Amino acid sequence: MIFRIASYILLFVILSSCGGGGGSSIENNNNSITQPPNNPFVYIPPSTTSTDNCVAKSQPVANSWHEDFNSNELNINDWSYDEGCNDNGGGCNGNNEAQNYTSNDSDNLFIEDGYLKIQPIYELNTGSDGVNQQYTSAKIYTKDKKLFTYPAKISICFKVPEGTGMWPAIWMMPNADVPWPTGGEIDLMEARGRAALANVMGSAVHFGEVWPNNKYISQNVNSAVGNDFQTYFHSITFIWQEDKIEMYLDQESSPFFSVTPNSYLLNQYDYPFNSSFYMILNVAVGGHFDNYALDSSHFCIDADCTNFLDNPDKKRMTVDWIEYLPISN
């Protein structure tokens, strides 16, 4: 069904990066991983599907959390909006991105028919921090409202937008206020919007010392031709255990991405992922992730996406559901 990694030996790269506003570049290199023996939990994906390729939803258990986006409005008890450009010295959001994030603006984020939709728009905008940008988009997070920790399983059913310059991401940051990335960053899903990369997405972790001595490990995974991430729903499942991170695509029973404290060169730093994190959903525009590739004609020009009325959802990141379930080791 998907591009398989031979014998599931993972392909990694450890490089410097300049920001965590949606992650960093996804590259490939060879490196084998030795797993610690103290995590006996084995992930067995459901045999049925939810939407298109997504794993089936799990039944609620004690302390689980299920976000189905069945309300007409975003649940502000769990989610907050980011705003503006957030220039931290590395350009907007640390990645020289081209969008301002808007707060509670239904043009950029709305719930429709049980789906959360984030829609970047090509329009002039002055952000809340006074920066002028040519695009707007949305970014929401659960900081100080809904926190997640191990051992747990997090699954998300999503579809990514098409368009050169689109940068959809589902990721997690530590609840502790520490300099990035010393507390870690977990990127469950990142994708580039170019049509040629419609069947490519990736996961990553960030760690190490503050920029420019930060490091990351990342891994791509491919869908089958004709079953890409822009046209069909897929799921990412994050199995999170003490000293172990694994990512699974759809109903695959082997992870395409796996990290432990023994992973090179994470083994040279404090392992930061055994703590509480919050979740972030966003669609960035442009920036360094795809080498600043950006085509304004690939974006909606208004709230109704009147320039793509035949299929406006093609220009939106769509999330069907999210679930978080504690697991036993």
C-alpha atoms as a PDB file:
ATOM      1  CA  MET A   1       0.000   0.000   0.000  1.00  0.00           C
ATOM      2  CA  ILE A   2       2.740   2.475   0.897  1.00  0.00           C
ATOM      3  CA  PHE A   3       6.448   2.897   0.334  1.00  0.00           C
ATOM      4  CA  ARG A   4       8.032   0.429   2.741  1.00  0.00           C
ATOM      5  CA  ILE A   5      11.321   1.022   4.494  1.00  0.00           C
ATOM      6  CA  ALA A   6      13.452  -2.041   3.928  1.00  0.00           C
ATOM      7  CA  SER A   7      13.251  -4.244   7.000  1.00  0.00           C
ATOM      8  CA  TYR A   8      11.818  -1.142   8.690  1.00  0.00           C
ATOM      9  CA  ILE A   9      15.291   0.177   9.371  1.00  0.00           C
ATOM     10  CA  LEU A  10      14.562   3.877   9.622  1.00  0.00           C
ATOM     11  CA  LEU A  11      16.084   6.635   7.599  1.00  0.00           C
ATOM     12  CA  PHE A  12      17.172   9.653   9.584  1.00  0.00           C
ATOM     13  CA  VAL A  13      18.908  12.945   9.354  1.00  0.00           C
ATOM     14  CA  ILE A  14      20.251  15.064  12.154  1.00  0.00           C
ATOM     15  CA  LEU A  15      20.700  18.680  11.129  1.00  0.00           C
ATOM     16  CA  SER A  16      20.444  22.194  12.459  1.00  0.00           C
ATOM     17  CA  SER A  17      17.164  24.031  12.026  1.00  0.00           C
ATOM     18  CA  CYS A  18      16.021  27.568  12.657  1.00  0.00           C
ATOM     19  CA  GLY A  19      12.518  27.183  13.977  1.00  0.00           C
ATOM     20  CA  GLY A  20       9.671  25.123  15.278  1.00  0.00           C
ATOM     21  CA  GLY A  21       6.703  27.020  13.870  1.00  0.00           C
ATOM     22  CA  GLY A  22       5.456  23.947  12.065  1.00  0.00           C
ATOM     23  CA  GLY A  23       8.680  22.051  12.135  1.00  0.00           C
ATOM     24  CA  SER A  24      11.705  21.743   9.933  1.00  0.00           C
ATOM     25  CA  SER A  25      12.895  20.148   6.723  1.00  0.00           C
ATOM     26  CA  ILE A  26      12.206  16.460   6.160  1.00  0.00           C
ATOM     27  CA  GLU A  27      15.254  14.635   4.834  1.00  0.00           C
ATOM     28  CA  ASN A  28      16.596  11.099   4.614  1.00  0.00           C
ATOM     29  CA  ASN A  29      19.783   9.352   5.703  1.00  0.00           C
ATOM     30  CA  ASN A  30      20.628   5.882   6.994  1.00  0.00           C
ATOM     31  CA  ASN A  31      20.871   5.026  10.660  1.00  0.00           C
ATOM     32  CA  SER A  32      19.724   1.956  12.588  1.00  0.00           C
ATOM     33  CA  ILE A  33      18.098   2.178  16.001  1.00  0.00           C
ATOM     34  CA  THR A  34      18.476  -0.046  19.035  1.00  0.00           C
ATOM     35  CA  GLN A  35      15.235  -0.145  21.008  1.00  0.00           C
ATOM     36  CA  PRO A  36      15.324  -0.282  24.798  1.00  0.00           C
ATOM     37  CA  PRO A  37      13.823  -3.500  26.189  1.00  0.00           C
ATOM     38  CA  ASN A  38      11.572  -1.882  28.799  1.00  0.00           C
ATOM     39  CA  ASN A  39       8.517  -1.066  26.639  1.00  0.00           C
ATOM     40  CA  PRO A  40       6.535  -4.242  26.000  1.00  0.00           C
ATOM     41  CA  PHE A  41       3.443  -2.486  24.558  1.00  0.00           C
ATOM     42  CA  VAL A  42       2.766  -3.527  20.969  1.00  0.00           C
ATOM     43  CA  TYR A  43       0.492  -1.455  18.756  1.00  0.00           C
ATOM     44  CA  ILE A  44      -2.100  -3.496  16.856  1.00  0.00           C
ATOM     45  CA  PRO A  45      -4.045  -1.269  14.431  1.00  0.00           C
ATOM     46  CA  PRO A  46      -7.798  -1.808  14.031  1.00  0.00           C
ATOM     47  CA  SER A  47      -8.854  -3.978  11.119  1.00  0.00           C
ATOM     48  CA  THR A  48     -11.507  -1.524   9.916  1.00  0.00           C
ATOM     49  CA  THR A  49     -11.256   2.075   8.713  1.00  0.00           C
ATOM     50  CA  SER A  50     -12.895   5.343   9.633  1.00  0.00           C
ATOM     51  CA  THR A  51     -12.687   7.833   6.724  1.00  0.00           C
ATOM     52  CA  ASP A  52     -10.899   6.559   3.612  1.00  0.00           C
ATOM     53  CA  ASN A  53      -7.623   5.131   4.992  1.00  0.00           C
ATOM     54  CA  CYS A  54      -7.872   6.220   8.629  1.00  0.00           C
ATOM     55  CA  VAL A  55      -7.788   3.659  11.397  1.00  0.00           C
ATOM     56  CA  ALA A  56     -11.092   3.058  13.143  1.00  0.00           C
ATOM     57  CA  LYS A  57     -11.892   5.215  16.134  1.00  0.00           C
ATOM     58  CA  SER A  58     -11.223   3.670  19.533  1.00  0.00           C
ATOM     59  CA  GLN A  59     -13.726   3.304  22.318  1.00  0.00           C
ATOM     60  CA  PRO A  60     -13.364   5.828  25.152  1.00  0.00           C
ATOM     61  CA  VAL A  61     -11.472   4.676  28.226  1.00  0.00           C
ATOM     62  CA  ALA A  62     -10.653   6.345  31.519  1.00  0.00           C
ATOM     63  CA  ASN A  63      -8.874   9.686  30.996  1.00  0.00           C
ATOM     64  CA  SER A  64      -9.152   9.491  27.202  1.00  0.00           C
ATOM     65  CA  TRP A  65     -10.015  12.502  25.038  1.00  0.00           C
ATOM     66  CA  HIS A  66     -11.960  12.475  21.778  1.00  0.00           C
ATOM     67  CA  GLU A  67     -12.313  15.512  19.518  1.00  0.00           C
ATOM     68  CA  ASP A  68     -14.834  14.868  16.746  1.00  0.00           C
ATOM     69  CA  PHE A  69     -15.537  18.496  15.773  1.00  0.00           C
ATOM     70  CA  ASN A  70     -19.270  17.842  15.921  1.00  0.00           C
ATOM     71  CA  SER A  71     -20.094  21.292  17.287  1.00  0.00           C
ATOM     72  CA  ASN A  72     -20.663  24.275  15.015  1.00  0.00           C
ATOM     73  CA  GLU A  73     -17.861  26.170  16.741  1.00  0.00           C
ATOM     74  CA  LEU A  74     -14.385  25.387  18.003  1.00  0.00           C
ATOM     75  CA  ASN A  75     -14.393  24.268  21.633  1.00  0.00           C
ATOM     76  CA  ILE A  76     -12.498  27.088  23.357  1.00  0.00           C
ATOM     77  CA  ASN A  77     -12.362  25.046  26.550  1.00  0.00           C
ATOM     78  CA  ASP A  78      -9.761  22.888  24.788  1.00  0.00           C
ATOM     79  CA  TRP A  79      -8.355  25.136  22.047  1.00  0.00           C
ATOM     80  CA  SER A  80      -6.848  28.628  21.808  1.00  0.00           C
ATOM     81  CA  TYR A  81      -5.924  30.696  18.739  1.00  0.00           C
ATOM     82  CA  ASP A  82      -2.458  31.934  17.913  1.00  0.00           C
ATOM     83  CA  GLU A  83      -2.259  35.365  16.282  1.00  0.00           C
ATOM     84  CA  GLY A  84      -0.060  37.464  14.048  1.00  0.00           C
ATOM     85  CA  CYS A  85       3.398  36.925  12.628  1.00  0.00           C
ATOM     86  CA  ASN A  86       5.331  36.104  15.831  1.00  0.00           C
ATOM     87  CA  ASP A  87       8.693  37.309  14.524  1.00  0.00           C
ATOM     88  CA  ASN A  88      11.190  35.849  16.987  1.00  0.00           C
ATOM     89  CA  GLY A  89      14.272  36.940  15.112  1.00  0.00           C
ATOM     90  CA  GLY A  90      14.012  34.258  12.440  1.00  0.00           C
ATOM     91  CA  GLY A  91      11.231  35.869  10.453  1.00  0.00           C
ATOM     92  CA  CYS A  92       7.557  35.171  11.018  1.00  0.00           C
ATOM     93  CA  ASN A  93       7.152  32.170  13.307  1.00  0.00           C
ATOM     94  CA  GLY A  94      10.894  31.563  13.090  1.00  0.00           C
ATOM     95  CA  ASN A  95      10.696  30.262   9.527  1.00  0.00           C
ATOM     96  CA  ASN A  96      10.231  33.417   7.390  1.00  0.00           C
ATOM     97  CA  GLU A  97       6.640  32.418   6.736  1.00  0.00           C
ATOM     98  CA  ALA A  98       4.297  34.560   4.624  1.00  0.00           C
ATOM     99  CA  GLN A  99       1.084  34.443   6.680  1.00  0.00           C
ATOM    100  CA  ASN A 100      -0.473  36.203   9.621  1.00  0.00           C
ATOM    101  CA  TYR A 101      -2.508  33.916  11.866  1.00  0.00           C
ATOM    102  CA  THR A 102      -5.965  35.268  12.645  1.00  0.00           C
ATOM    103  CA  SER A 103      -7.905  34.747  15.872  1.00  0.00           C
ATOM    104  CA  ASN A 104     -11.427  33.329  15.778  1.00  0.00           C
ATOM    105  CA  ASP A 105     -11.848  34.300  12.120  1.00  0.00           C
ATOM    106  CA  SER A 106     -14.227  31.911  10.361  1.00  0.00           C
ATOM    107  CA  ASP A 107     -12.678  32.849   7.017  1.00  0.00           C
ATOM    108  CA  ASN A 108      -9.539  30.941   7.998  1.00  0.00           C
ATOM    109  CA  LEU A 109     -10.873  28.287  10.386  1.00  0.00           C
ATOM    110  CA  PHE A 110     -14.330  26.778  10.622  1.00  0.00           C
ATOM    111  CA  ILE A 111     -16.165  23.544  11.355  1.00  0.00           C
ATOM    112  CA  GLU A 112     -18.331  22.134   8.585  1.00  0.00           C
ATOM    113  CA  ASP A 113     -20.212  18.819   8.549  1.00  0.00           C
ATOM    114  CA  GLY A 114     -18.133  17.481  11.436  1.00  0.00           C
ATOM    115  CA  TYR A 115     -14.754  18.476   9.967  1.00  0.00           C
ATOM    116  CA  LEU A 116     -12.323  21.115  11.176  1.00  0.00           C
ATOM    117  CA  LYS A 117     -11.054  23.098   8.192  1.00  0.00           C
ATOM    118  CA  ILE A 118      -8.090  25.496   8.109  1.00  0.00           C
ATOM    119  CA  GLN A 119      -8.048  27.665   4.993  1.00  0.00           C
ATOM    120  CA  PRO A 120      -5.137  29.958   4.067  1.00  0.00           C
ATOM    121  CA  ILE A 121      -6.228  32.980   2.016  1.00  0.00           C
ATOM    122  CA  TYR A 122      -4.239  35.182  -0.331  1.00  0.00           C
ATOM    123  CA  GLU A 123      -5.113  38.637   1.010  1.00  0.00           C
ATOM    124  CA  LEU A 124      -3.306  41.622   2.459  1.00  0.00           C
ATOM    125  CA  ASN A 125      -3.418  41.651   6.254  1.00  0.00           C
ATOM    126  CA  THR A 126      -1.969  43.604   9.154  1.00  0.00           C
ATOM    127  CA  GLY A 127      -1.504  41.196  12.027  1.00  0.00           C
ATOM    128  CA  SER A 128      -2.105  41.700  15.722  1.00  0.00           C
ATOM    129  CA  ASP A 129       1.596  42.476  16.126  1.00  0.00           C
ATOM    130  CA  GLY A 130       1.553  45.096  13.368  1.00  0.00           C
ATOM    131  CA  VAL A 131       3.263  43.067  10.638  1.00  0.00           C
ATOM    132  CA  ASN A 132       1.900  43.315   7.096  1.00  0.00           C
ATOM    133  CA  GLN A 133       1.591  40.002   5.255  1.00  0.00           C
ATOM    134  CA  GLN A 134       0.049  38.849   1.975  1.00  0.00           C
ATOM    135  CA  TYR A 135      -1.648  35.755   3.411  1.00  0.00           C
ATOM    136  CA  THR A 136      -3.834  34.829   6.367  1.00  0.00           C
ATOM    137  CA  SER A 137      -4.257  31.411   7.970  1.00  0.00           C
ATOM    138  CA  ALA A 138      -5.069  29.797  11.321  1.00  0.00           C
ATOM    139  CA  LYS A 139      -3.170  28.081  14.080  1.00  0.00           C
ATOM    140  CA  ILE A 140      -4.776  26.582  17.181  1.00  0.00           C
ATOM    141  CA  TYR A 141      -3.276  24.889  20.219  1.00  0.00           C
ATOM    142  CA  THR A 142      -4.259  23.271  23.520  1.00  0.00           C
ATOM    143  CA  LYS A 143      -1.612  24.871  25.784  1.00  0.00           C
ATOM    144  CA  ASP A 144      -2.773  25.197  29.411  1.00  0.00           C
ATOM    145  CA  LYS A 145      -6.114  23.621  28.445  1.00  0.00           C
ATOM    146  CA  LYS A 146      -5.534  20.049  27.269  1.00  0.00           C
ATOM    147  CA  LEU A 147      -2.180  18.437  28.019  1.00  0.00           C
ATOM    148  CA  PHE A 148      -0.905  15.054  26.886  1.00  0.00           C
ATOM    149  CA  THR A 149       1.693  12.704  28.287  1.00  0.00           C
ATOM    150  CA  TYR A 150       2.904   9.112  28.031  1.00  0.00           C
ATOM    151  CA  PRO A 151       2.158   6.231  27.976  1.00  0.00           C
ATOM    152  CA  ALA A 152      -0.516   6.962  25.408  1.00  0.00           C
ATOM    153  CA  LYS A 153      -1.808   6.527  21.877  1.00  0.00           C
ATOM    154  CA  ILE A 154      -2.716   9.602  19.839  1.00  0.00           C
ATOM    155  CA  SER A 155      -4.467   9.103  16.496  1.00  0.00           C
ATOM    156  CA  ILE A 156      -5.545  11.814  14.043  1.00  0.00           C
ATOM    157  CA  CYS A 157      -7.555  11.470  10.829  1.00  0.00           C
ATOM    158  CA  PHE A 158      -6.697  14.262   8.377  1.00  0.00           C
ATOM    159  CA  LYS A 159      -6.313  15.426   4.792  1.00  0.00           C
ATOM    160  CA  VAL A 160      -3.747  18.027   3.707  1.00  0.00           C
ATOM    161  CA  PRO A 161      -4.202  20.984   1.293  1.00  0.00           C
ATOM    162  CA  GLU A 162      -2.806  21.228  -2.224  1.00  0.00           C
ATOM    163  CA  GLY A 163      -0.884  24.302  -3.348  1.00  0.00           C
ATOM    164  CA  THR A 164       2.724  25.376  -3.756  1.00  0.00           C
ATOM    165  CA  GLY A 165       3.614  27.054  -0.472  1.00  0.00           C
ATOM    166  CA  MET A 166       1.077  25.226   1.697  1.00  0.00           C
ATOM    167  CA  TRP A 167       2.686  23.895   4.905  1.00  0.00           C
ATOM    168  CA  PRO A 168       0.185  21.923   7.013  1.00  0.00           C
ATOM    169  CA  ALA A 169       1.366  20.558  10.346  1.00  0.00           C
ATOM    170  CA  ILE A 170       0.136  18.629  13.379  1.00  0.00           C
ATOM    171  CA  TRP A 171       2.687  18.875  16.169  1.00  0.00           C
ATOM    172  CA  MET A 172       3.320  19.073  19.906  1.00  0.00           C
ATOM    173  CA  MET A 173       5.339  21.340  22.179  1.00  0.00           C
ATOM    174  CA  PRO A 174       6.286  20.980  25.864  1.00  0.00           C
ATOM    175  CA  ASN A 175       4.013  22.652  28.371  1.00  0.00           C
ATOM    176  CA  ALA A 176       7.055  23.862  30.291  1.00  0.00           C
ATOM    177  CA  ASP A 177       8.240  27.320  29.213  1.00  0.00           C
ATOM    178  CA  VAL A 178      11.803  26.461  28.211  1.00  0.00           C
ATOM    179  CA  PRO A 179      13.946  27.705  25.296  1.00  0.00           C
ATOM    180  CA  TRP A 180      13.263  25.889  22.033  1.00  0.00           C
ATOM    181  CA  PRO A 181      14.107  23.064  21.457  1.00  0.00           C
ATOM    182  CA  THR A 182      15.629  22.108  24.817  1.00  0.00           C
ATOM    183  CA  GLY A 183      12.226  20.829  25.953  1.00  0.00           C
ATOM    184  CA  GLY A 184      11.699  18.936  22.704  1.00  0.00           C
ATOM    185  CA  GLU A 185       9.240  19.219  19.831  1.00  0.00           C
ATOM    186  CA  ILE A 186       7.247  16.319  18.343  1.00  0.00           C
ATOM    187  CA  ASP A 187       6.013  16.739  14.760  1.00  0.00           C
ATOM    188  CA  LEU A 188       3.394  14.109  14.067  1.00  0.00           C
ATOM    189  CA  MET A 189       2.718  15.272  10.522  1.00  0.00           C
ATOM    190  CA  GLU A 190       4.164  17.826   8.115  1.00  0.00           C
ATOM    191  CA  ALA A 191       3.602  18.057   4.388  1.00  0.00           C
ATOM    192  CA  ARG A 192       4.458  20.256   1.446  1.00  0.00           C
ATOM    193  CA  GLY A 193       1.597  21.389  -0.764  1.00  0.00           C
ATOM    194  CA  ARG A 194       3.229  21.030  -4.161  1.00  0.00           C
ATOM    195  CA  ALA A 195       1.260  18.607  -6.325  1.00  0.00           C
ATOM    196  CA  ALA A 196       4.428  16.632  -7.077  1.00  0.00           C
ATOM    197  CA  LEU A 197       4.670  15.833  -3.347  1.00  0.00           C
ATOM    198  CA  ALA A 198       1.024  14.910  -2.814  1.00  0.00           C
ATOM    199  CA  ASN A 199       1.936  11.402  -1.648  1.00  0.00           C
ATOM    200  CA  VAL A 200       4.683  12.495   0.795  1.00  0.00           C
ATOM    201  CA  MET A 201       4.424  13.443   4.459  1.00  0.00           C
ATOM    202  CA  GLY A 202       6.770  13.121   7.387  1.00  0.00           C
ATOM    203  CA  SER A 203       7.334  13.100  11.137  1.00  0.00           C
ATOM    204  CA  ALA A 204      10.170  14.583  13.176  1.00  0.00           C
ATOM    205  CA  VAL A 205      11.479  15.335  16.648  1.00  0.00           C
ATOM    206  CA  HIS A 206      13.527  18.395  17.629  1.00  0.00           C
ATOM    207  CA  PHE A 207      15.950  18.516  20.531  1.00  0.00           C
ATOM    208  CA  GLY A 208      19.410  19.653  21.602  1.00  0.00           C
ATOM    209  CA  GLU A 209      20.588  23.112  22.576  1.00  0.00           C
ATOM    210  CA  VAL A 210      19.164  26.486  21.610  1.00  0.00           C
ATOM    211  CA  TRP A 211      19.616  27.705  18.045  1.00  0.00           C
ATOM    212  CA  PRO A 212      22.002  27.407  16.236  1.00  0.00           C
ATOM    213  CA  ASN A 213      22.990  24.233  18.115  1.00  0.00           C
ATOM    214  CA  ASN A 214      19.558  22.616  17.789  1.00  0.00           C
ATOM    215  CA  LYS A 215      19.151  19.203  16.146  1.00  0.00           C
ATOM    216  CA  TYR A 216      16.381  17.096  14.706  1.00  0.00           C
ATOM    217  CA  ILE A 217      15.583  13.609  13.416  1.00  0.00           C
ATOM    218  CA  SER A 218      12.993  13.217  10.668  1.00  0.00           C
ATOM    219  CA  GLN A 219      11.503  10.632   8.347  1.00  0.00           C
ATOM    220  CA  ASN A 220       9.317  10.721   5.237  1.00  0.00           C
ATOM    221  CA  VAL A 221       6.624   8.191   4.410  1.00  0.00           C
ATOM    222  CA  ASN A 222       4.868   7.784   1.053  1.00  0.00           C
ATOM    223  CA  SER A 223       1.317   6.839   0.220  1.00  0.00           C
ATOM    224  CA  ALA A 224       0.542   4.731  -2.821  1.00  0.00           C
ATOM    225  CA  VAL A 225       0.169   6.521  -6.140  1.00  0.00           C
ATOM    226  CA  GLY A 226      -3.514   7.384  -6.530  1.00  0.00           C
ATOM    227  CA  ASN A 227      -4.091   7.400  -2.767  1.00  0.00           C
ATOM    228  CA  ASP A 228      -2.308  10.620  -1.843  1.00  0.00           C
ATOM    229  CA  PHE A 229      -2.592  12.761   1.287  1.00  0.00           C
ATOM    230  CA  GLN A 230      -4.214  15.688  -0.542  1.00  0.00           C
ATOM    231  CA  THR A 231      -7.161  13.765  -1.991  1.00  0.00           C
ATOM    232  CA  TYR A 232      -7.872  11.108   0.634  1.00  0.00           C
ATOM    233  CA  PHE A 233      -7.993  11.012   4.409  1.00  0.00           C
ATOM    234  CA  HIS A 234      -5.145   9.241   6.183  1.00  0.00           C
ATOM    235  CA  SER A 235      -4.306   8.759   9.833  1.00  0.00           C
ATOM    236  CA  ILE A 236      -1.178   9.154  11.871  1.00  0.00           C
ATOM    237  CA  THR A 237      -0.943   7.161  15.110  1.00  0.00           C
ATOM    238  CA  PHE A 238       1.609   8.222  17.690  1.00  0.00           C
ATOM    239  CA  ILE A 239       2.538   5.545  20.242  1.00  0.00           C
ATOM    240  CA  TRP A 240       4.187   7.387  23.104  1.00  0.00           C
ATOM    241  CA  GLN A 241       5.981   5.434  25.786  1.00  0.00           C
ATOM    242  CA  GLU A 242       8.707   6.215  28.263  1.00  0.00           C
ATOM    243  CA  ASP A 243      11.936   6.598  26.284  1.00  0.00           C
ATOM    244  CA  LYS A 244      10.239   5.656  23.014  1.00  0.00           C
ATOM    245  CA  ILE A 245       8.366   7.442  20.209  1.00  0.00           C
ATOM    246  CA  GLU A 246       6.761   5.621  17.260  1.00  0.00           C
ATOM    247  CA  MET A 247       4.642   6.886  14.344  1.00  0.00           C
ATOM    248  CA  TYR A 248       2.357   4.665  12.267  1.00  0.00           C
ATOM    249  CA  LEU A 249       0.591   5.467   9.002  1.00  0.00           C
ATOM    250  CA  ASP A 250      -2.998   4.262   8.577  1.00  0.00           C
ATOM    251  CA  GLN A 251      -3.322   0.543   9.412  1.00  0.00           C
ATOM    252  CA  GLU A 252       0.365  -0.255   9.144  1.00  0.00           C
ATOM    253  CA  SER A 253       1.550  -2.539  11.955  1.00  0.00           C
ATOM    254  CA  SER A 254       5.177  -1.371  11.829  1.00  0.00           C
ATOM    255  CA  PRO A 255       6.240   2.226  12.523  1.00  0.00           C
ATOM    256  CA  PHE A 256       7.747   4.354   9.779  1.00  0.00           C
ATOM    257  CA  PHE A 257       9.406   6.545  12.430  1.00  0.00           C
ATOM    258  CA  SER A 258      10.923   5.482  15.745  1.00  0.00           C
ATOM    259  CA  VAL A 259      13.112   7.316  18.262  1.00  0.00           C
ATOM    260  CA  THR A 260      14.643   6.326  21.602  1.00  0.00           C
ATOM    261  CA  PRO A 261      17.341   7.842  23.823  1.00  0.00           C
ATOM    262  CA  ASN A 262      19.796   5.574  21.956  1.00  0.00           C
ATOM    263  CA  SER A 263      19.092   7.247  18.610  1.00  0.00           C
ATOM    264  CA  TYR A 264      22.070   9.039  17.122  1.00  0.00           C
ATOM    265  CA  LEU A 265      22.593  11.885  17.911  1.00  0.00           C
ATOM    266  CA  LEU A 266      19.855  12.191  20.471  1.00  0.00           C
ATOM    267  CA  ASN A 267      22.057   9.965  22.624  1.00  0.00           C
ATOM    268  CA  GLN A 268      24.368  12.957  23.088  1.00  0.00           C
ATOM    269  CA  TYR A 269      21.674  15.124  24.709  1.00  0.00           C
ATOM    270  CA  ASP A 270      19.130  14.911  27.498  1.00  0.00           C
ATOM    271  CA  TYR A 271      16.054  13.028  26.269  1.00  0.00           C
ATOM    272  CA  PRO A 272      13.256  15.650  26.509  1.00  0.00           C
ATOM    273  CA  PHE A 273      10.142  13.702  25.528  1.00  0.00           C
ATOM    274  CA  ASN A 274       9.163  12.142  28.880  1.00  0.00           C
ATOM    275  CA  SER A 275       7.018  15.096  29.932  1.00  0.00           C
ATOM    276  CA  SER A 276       3.703  16.854  29.259  1.00  0.00           C
ATOM    277  CA  PHE A 277       3.075  18.364  25.816  1.00  0.00           C
ATOM    278  CA  TYR A 278       0.257  20.295  24.151  1.00  0.00           C
ATOM    279  CA  MET A 279      -1.040  19.924  20.581  1.00  0.00           C
ATOM    280  CA  ILE A 280      -0.920  22.390  17.683  1.00  0.00           C
ATOM    281  CA  LEU A 281      -2.765  22.386  14.328  1.00  0.00           C
ATOM    282  CA  ASN A 282      -1.879  24.927  11.650  1.00  0.00           C
ATOM    283  CA  VAL A 283      -1.292  25.663   7.998  1.00  0.00           C
ATOM    284  CA  ALA A 284       1.701  27.921   7.388  1.00  0.00           C
ATOM    285  CA  VAL A 285       2.449  29.597   4.052  1.00  0.00           C
ATOM    286  CA  GLY A 286       5.846  29.676   2.375  1.00  0.00           C
ATOM    287  CA  GLY A 287       8.976  29.853   4.489  1.00  0.00           C
ATOM    288  CA  HIS A 288      12.070  27.694   4.407  1.00  0.00           C
ATOM    289  CA  PHE A 289      10.325  24.315   4.678  1.00  0.00           C
ATOM    290  CA  ASP A 290       9.951  24.013   0.899  1.00  0.00           C
ATOM    291  CA  ASN A 291      12.821  26.356   0.033  1.00  0.00           C
ATOM    292  CA  TYR A 292      10.437  29.354  -0.150  1.00  0.00           C
ATOM    293  CA  ALA A 293       8.398  27.875  -2.996  1.00  0.00           C
ATOM    294  CA  LEU A 294       5.139  29.830  -3.159  1.00  0.00           C
ATOM    295  CA  ASP A 295       2.479  30.416  -5.827  1.00  0.00           C
ATOM    296  CA  SER A 296      -0.333  32.814  -4.907  1.00  0.00           C
ATOM    297  CA  SER A 297      -2.578  31.440  -7.665  1.00  0.00           C
ATOM    298  CA  HIS A 298      -2.803  28.156  -5.713  1.00  0.00           C
ATOM    299  CA  PHE A 299      -4.588  29.787  -2.746  1.00  0.00           C
ATOM    300  CA  CYS A 300      -8.166  30.812  -2.037  1.00  0.00           C
ATOM    301  CA  ILE A 301      -8.753  34.536  -2.579  1.00  0.00           C
ATOM    302  CA  ASP A 302     -11.706  34.894  -0.190  1.00  0.00           C
ATOM    303  CA  ALA A 303     -13.675  33.078   2.511  1.00  0.00           C
ATOM    304  CA  ASP A 304     -15.798  31.207  -0.040  1.00  0.00           C
ATOM    305  CA  CYS A 305     -12.753  30.223  -2.092  1.00  0.00           C
ATOM    306  CA  THR A 306     -14.557  31.459  -5.182  1.00  0.00           C
ATOM    307  CA  ASN A 307     -11.530  30.804  -7.392  1.00  0.00           C
ATOM    308  CA  PHE A 308     -11.759  27.072  -6.577  1.00  0.00           C
ATOM    309  CA  LEU A 309     -15.500  26.552  -6.309  1.00  0.00           C
ATOM    310  CA  ASP A 310     -15.281  23.131  -7.971  1.00  0.00           C
ATOM    311  CA  ASN A 311     -13.388  21.760  -4.942  1.00  0.00           C
ATOM    312  CA  PRO A 312     -12.536  24.349  -2.242  1.00  0.00           C
ATOM    313  CA  ASP A 313     -11.610  21.620   0.264  1.00  0.00           C
ATOM    314  CA  LYS A 314      -8.572  20.900  -1.892  1.00  0.00           C
ATOM    315  CA  LYS A 315      -7.166  24.148  -0.484  1.00  0.00           C
ATOM    316  CA  ARG A 316      -7.861  23.365   3.185  1.00  0.00           C
ATOM    317  CA  MET A 317      -6.337  21.153   5.832  1.00  0.00           C
ATOM    318  CA  THR A 318      -9.247  19.030   6.997  1.00  0.00           C
ATOM    319  CA  VAL A 319      -9.287  17.138  10.286  1.00  0.00           C
ATOM    320  CA  ASP A 320     -12.040  14.601  10.934  1.00  0.00           C
ATOM    321  CA  TRP A 321     -11.150  13.497  14.454  1.00  0.00           C
ATOM    322  CA  ILE A 322      -8.449  13.320  17.123  1.00  0.00           C
ATOM    323  CA  GLU A 323      -8.221  10.873  19.993  1.00  0.00           C
ATOM    324  CA  TYR A 324      -5.903  10.445  22.955  1.00  0.00           C
ATOM    325  CA  LEU A 325      -5.952   7.225  24.956  1.00  0.00           C
ATOM    326  CA  PRO A 326      -3.700   6.249  27.855  1.00  0.00           C
ATOM    327  CA  ILE A 327      -2.123   2.838  27.384  1.00  0.00           C
ATOM    328  CA  SER A 328      -0.434   0.322  29.685  1.00  0.00           C
ATOM    329  CA  ASN A 329       3.180  -0.737  29.217  1.00  0.00           C
END
